[in-house]
């Protein structure tokens, strides 16, 4: 095994559960949207020793059945789990990934959208880091 070992895990410790941080995130956060996903993010200073905290959301208004909402959340978590190492954040960040589509997606669509979102986020962070 000469390759650098990358751990593709998304442990519970990286879950965004604090109602206070979720409220701050939606009030002051910035967002990037690539259909059918939207990422809302906010630099934060929380106690956990994690680089980021992330939550996944599928609105009941658009996807009526709970089994479908849960399936979409699983797809989003899996896509994020595989791509989290491409993310370059300047500091601790809270994020929420929201599904904005109206029908059941295919994993490929979610994966592609998330890739574009991460690319845009990295571009924004690199430009703000170089100008700041």
C-alpha atoms as a PDB file:
ATOM      1  CA  UNK A   1       0.000   0.000   0.000  1.00  0.00           C
ATOM      2  CA  UNK A   2       2.101   2.875  -1.279  1.00  0.00           C
ATOM      3  CA  UNK A   3      -0.870   5.192  -1.734  1.00  0.00           C
ATOM      4  CA  UNK A   4      -1.814   7.640   0.977  1.00  0.00           C
ATOM      5  CA  UNK A   5      -4.555   5.981   2.998  1.00  0.00           C
ATOM      6  CA  UNK A   6      -7.754   8.052   2.885  1.00  0.00           C
ATOM      7  CA  UNK A   7     -10.531   7.217   5.316  1.00  0.00           C
ATOM      8  CA  UNK A   8     -13.913   7.624   3.701  1.00  0.00           C
ATOM      9  CA  UNK A   9     -15.896   7.928   6.905  1.00  0.00           C
ATOM     10  CA  UNK A  10     -18.550  10.382   7.960  1.00  0.00           C
ATOM     11  CA  UNK A  11     -18.848   9.820  11.714  1.00  0.00           C
ATOM     12  CA  UNK A  12     -21.692  11.097  13.872  1.00  0.00           C
ATOM     13  CA  UNK A  13     -19.296  13.595  15.445  1.00  0.00           C
ATOM     14  CA  UNK A  14     -19.491  15.570  12.159  1.00  0.00           C
ATOM     15  CA  UNK A  15     -23.300  15.816  12.316  1.00  0.00           C
ATOM     16  CA  UNK A  16     -24.864  19.244  12.733  1.00  0.00           C
ATOM     17  CA  UNK A  17     -27.433  18.840  15.502  1.00  0.00           C
ATOM     18  CA  UNK A  18     -27.365  22.075  17.478  1.00  0.00           C
ATOM     19  CA  UNK A  19     -30.565  24.074  16.982  1.00  0.00           C
ATOM     20  CA  UNK A  20     -28.663  27.262  17.814  1.00  0.00           C
ATOM     21  CA  UNK A  21     -26.083  26.667  15.042  1.00  0.00           C
ATOM     22  CA  UNK A  22     -28.782  25.620  12.555  1.00  0.00           C
ATOM     23  CA  UNK A  23     -30.678  28.850  13.275  1.00  0.00           C
ATOM     24  CA  UNK A  24     -27.504  30.960  12.867  1.00  0.00           C
ATOM     25  CA  UNK A  25     -26.678  29.064   9.675  1.00  0.00           C
ATOM     26  CA  UNK A  26     -29.995  29.899   8.015  1.00  0.00           C
ATOM     27  CA  UNK A  27     -29.978  33.481   9.275  1.00  0.00           C
ATOM     28  CA  UNK A  28     -26.387  34.458   8.358  1.00  0.00           C
ATOM     29  CA  UNK A  29     -25.080  31.715   6.069  1.00  0.00           C
ATOM     30  CA  UNK A  30     -24.205  31.924   2.381  1.00  0.00           C
ATOM     31  CA  UNK A  31     -25.481  29.405  -0.117  1.00  0.00           C
ATOM     32  CA  UNK A  32     -24.465  27.682  -3.334  1.00  0.00           C
ATOM     33  CA  UNK A  33     -27.122  25.975  -5.446  1.00  0.00           C
ATOM     34  CA  UNK A  34     -26.625  23.426  -8.197  1.00  0.00           C
ATOM     35  CA  UNK A  35     -29.882  21.656  -9.008  1.00  0.00           C
ATOM     36  CA  UNK A  36     -31.089  19.511  -7.233  1.00  0.00           C
ATOM     37  CA  UNK A  37     -28.920  20.490  -4.235  1.00  0.00           C
ATOM     38  CA  UNK A  38     -28.287  23.627  -2.220  1.00  0.00           C
ATOM     39  CA  UNK A  39     -25.484  24.041   0.299  1.00  0.00           C
ATOM     40  CA  UNK A  40     -25.821  26.640   3.037  1.00  0.00           C
ATOM     41  CA  UNK A  41     -22.568  27.263   4.913  1.00  0.00           C
ATOM     42  CA  UNK A  42     -21.245  29.536   7.641  1.00  0.00           C
ATOM     43  CA  UNK A  43     -17.790  29.841   9.231  1.00  0.00           C
ATOM     44  CA  UNK A  44     -18.296  28.994  12.899  1.00  0.00           C
ATOM     45  CA  UNK A  45     -16.480  28.568  16.191  1.00  0.00           C
ATOM     46  CA  UNK A  46     -17.909  25.504  17.918  1.00  0.00           C
ATOM     47  CA  UNK A  47     -16.469  23.289  20.650  1.00  0.00           C
ATOM     48  CA  UNK A  48     -16.159  20.046  18.667  1.00  0.00           C
ATOM     49  CA  UNK A  49     -12.735  19.193  17.316  1.00  0.00           C
ATOM     50  CA  UNK A  50     -14.033  18.668  13.748  1.00  0.00           C
ATOM     51  CA  UNK A  51     -13.177  20.707  10.626  1.00  0.00           C
ATOM     52  CA  UNK A  52     -16.875  20.901   9.696  1.00  0.00           C
ATOM     53  CA  UNK A  53     -20.343  19.950  10.897  1.00  0.00           C
ATOM     54  CA  UNK A  54     -22.918  19.022   8.278  1.00  0.00           C
ATOM     55  CA  UNK A  55     -26.635  18.316   8.209  1.00  0.00           C
ATOM     56  CA  UNK A  56     -28.792  16.884   5.430  1.00  0.00           C
ATOM     57  CA  UNK A  57     -32.354  17.984   4.737  1.00  0.00           C
ATOM     58  CA  UNK A  58     -35.166  17.017   2.382  1.00  0.00           C
ATOM     59  CA  UNK A  59     -38.310  19.191   2.666  1.00  0.00           C
ATOM     60  CA  UNK A  60     -41.575  17.408   3.394  1.00  0.00           C
ATOM     61  CA  UNK A  61     -43.350  19.948   1.191  1.00  0.00           C
ATOM     62  CA  UNK A  62     -41.569  18.657  -1.938  1.00  0.00           C
ATOM     63  CA  UNK A  63     -41.113  14.956  -1.083  1.00  0.00           C
ATOM     64  CA  UNK A  64     -44.219  13.707   0.714  1.00  0.00           C
ATOM     65  CA  UNK A  65     -43.246  10.149   1.697  1.00  0.00           C
ATOM     66  CA  UNK A  66     -40.818   9.655   4.586  1.00  0.00           C
ATOM     67  CA  UNK A  67     -39.232   6.597   2.953  1.00  0.00           C
ATOM     68  CA  UNK A  68     -38.371   8.711  -0.092  1.00  0.00           C
ATOM     69  CA  UNK A  69     -37.004  11.565   2.044  1.00  0.00           C
ATOM     70  CA  UNK A  70     -34.827   9.115   3.981  1.00  0.00           C
ATOM     71  CA  UNK A  71     -33.576   7.500   0.756  1.00  0.00           C
ATOM     72  CA  UNK A  72     -32.585  10.906  -0.654  1.00  0.00           C
ATOM     73  CA  UNK A  73     -30.775  11.780   2.594  1.00  0.00           C
ATOM     74  CA  UNK A  74     -28.873   8.485   2.378  1.00  0.00           C
ATOM     75  CA  UNK A  75     -27.859   9.299  -1.203  1.00  0.00           C
ATOM     76  CA  UNK A  76     -26.698  12.793  -0.181  1.00  0.00           C
ATOM     77  CA  UNK A  77     -24.733  11.433   2.801  1.00  0.00           C
ATOM     78  CA  UNK A  78     -23.034   8.814   0.639  1.00  0.00           C
ATOM     79  CA  UNK A  79     -22.084  11.340  -2.061  1.00  0.00           C
ATOM     80  CA  UNK A  80     -20.718  13.716   0.595  1.00  0.00           C
ATOM     81  CA  UNK A  81     -18.865  10.920   2.405  1.00  0.00           C
ATOM     82  CA  UNK A  82     -16.979  10.063  -0.793  1.00  0.00           C
ATOM     83  CA  UNK A  83     -16.188  13.679  -1.694  1.00  0.00           C
ATOM     84  CA  UNK A  84     -15.500  15.281   1.690  1.00  0.00           C
ATOM     85  CA  UNK A  85     -11.724  15.071   1.122  1.00  0.00           C
ATOM     86  CA  UNK A  86     -11.988  17.401  -1.892  1.00  0.00           C
ATOM     87  CA  UNK A  87     -13.339  20.118   0.411  1.00  0.00           C
ATOM     88  CA  UNK A  88     -10.879  22.851   1.423  1.00  0.00           C
ATOM     89  CA  UNK A  89     -12.256  25.043   4.184  1.00  0.00           C
ATOM     90  CA  UNK A  90     -10.387  27.981   5.778  1.00  0.00           C
ATOM     91  CA  UNK A  91     -11.546  27.103   9.303  1.00  0.00           C
ATOM     92  CA  UNK A  92     -14.364  25.442  11.190  1.00  0.00           C
ATOM     93  CA  UNK A  93     -17.591  25.551   9.184  1.00  0.00           C
ATOM     94  CA  UNK A  94     -21.205  24.517   9.708  1.00  0.00           C
ATOM     95  CA  UNK A  95     -23.075  23.363   6.606  1.00  0.00           C
ATOM     96  CA  UNK A  96     -26.488  22.103   5.583  1.00  0.00           C
ATOM     97  CA  UNK A  97     -27.075  20.227   2.340  1.00  0.00           C
ATOM     98  CA  UNK A  98     -30.682  20.594   1.150  1.00  0.00           C
ATOM     99  CA  UNK A  99     -32.425  18.670  -1.613  1.00  0.00           C
ATOM    100  CA  UNK A 100     -34.461  21.062  -3.787  1.00  0.00           C
ATOM    101  CA  UNK A 101     -35.810  18.686  -6.438  1.00  0.00           C
ATOM    102  CA  UNK A 102     -39.359  17.359  -6.661  1.00  0.00           C
ATOM    103  CA  UNK A 103     -38.801  13.718  -7.661  1.00  0.00           C
ATOM    104  CA  UNK A 104     -36.583  10.809  -6.643  1.00  0.00           C
ATOM    105  CA  UNK A 105     -33.027  11.392  -7.892  1.00  0.00           C
ATOM    106  CA  UNK A 106     -30.414   8.938  -9.118  1.00  0.00           C
ATOM    107  CA  UNK A 107     -27.129   8.776  -7.169  1.00  0.00           C
ATOM    108  CA  UNK A 108     -25.200   9.994 -10.235  1.00  0.00           C
ATOM    109  CA  UNK A 109     -27.195  13.283 -10.337  1.00  0.00           C
ATOM    110  CA  UNK A 110     -26.616  13.989  -6.645  1.00  0.00           C
ATOM    111  CA  UNK A 111     -22.933  13.091  -6.967  1.00  0.00           C
ATOM    112  CA  UNK A 112     -22.453  15.427  -9.965  1.00  0.00           C
ATOM    113  CA  UNK A 113     -24.265  18.332  -8.269  1.00  0.00           C
ATOM    114  CA  UNK A 114     -22.269  17.892  -5.078  1.00  0.00           C
ATOM    115  CA  UNK A 115     -19.031  17.845  -7.061  1.00  0.00           C
ATOM    116  CA  UNK A 116     -19.927  21.194  -8.654  1.00  0.00           C
ATOM    117  CA  UNK A 117     -20.951  22.670  -5.291  1.00  0.00           C
ATOM    118  CA  UNK A 118     -17.671  21.609  -3.655  1.00  0.00           C
ATOM    119  CA  UNK A 119     -15.729  23.058  -6.601  1.00  0.00           C
ATOM    120  CA  UNK A 120     -17.553  26.414  -6.274  1.00  0.00           C
ATOM    121  CA  UNK A 121     -17.029  26.446  -2.500  1.00  0.00           C
ATOM    122  CA  UNK A 122     -13.307  25.742  -2.926  1.00  0.00           C
ATOM    123  CA  UNK A 123     -13.081  28.521  -5.550  1.00  0.00           C
ATOM    124  CA  UNK A 124     -14.780  31.007  -3.196  1.00  0.00           C
ATOM    125  CA  UNK A 125     -12.515  30.021  -0.305  1.00  0.00           C
ATOM    126  CA  UNK A 126      -9.349  30.280  -2.364  1.00  0.00           C
ATOM    127  CA  UNK A 127     -10.262  33.750  -3.697  1.00  0.00           C
ATOM    128  CA  UNK A 128     -11.284  35.049  -0.266  1.00  0.00           C
ATOM    129  CA  UNK A 129      -8.115  33.630   1.318  1.00  0.00           C
ATOM    130  CA  UNK A 130      -5.856  35.250  -1.285  1.00  0.00           C
ATOM    131  CA  UNK A 131      -7.623  38.630  -1.119  1.00  0.00           C
ATOM    132  CA  UNK A 132      -7.898  38.642   2.683  1.00  0.00           C
END
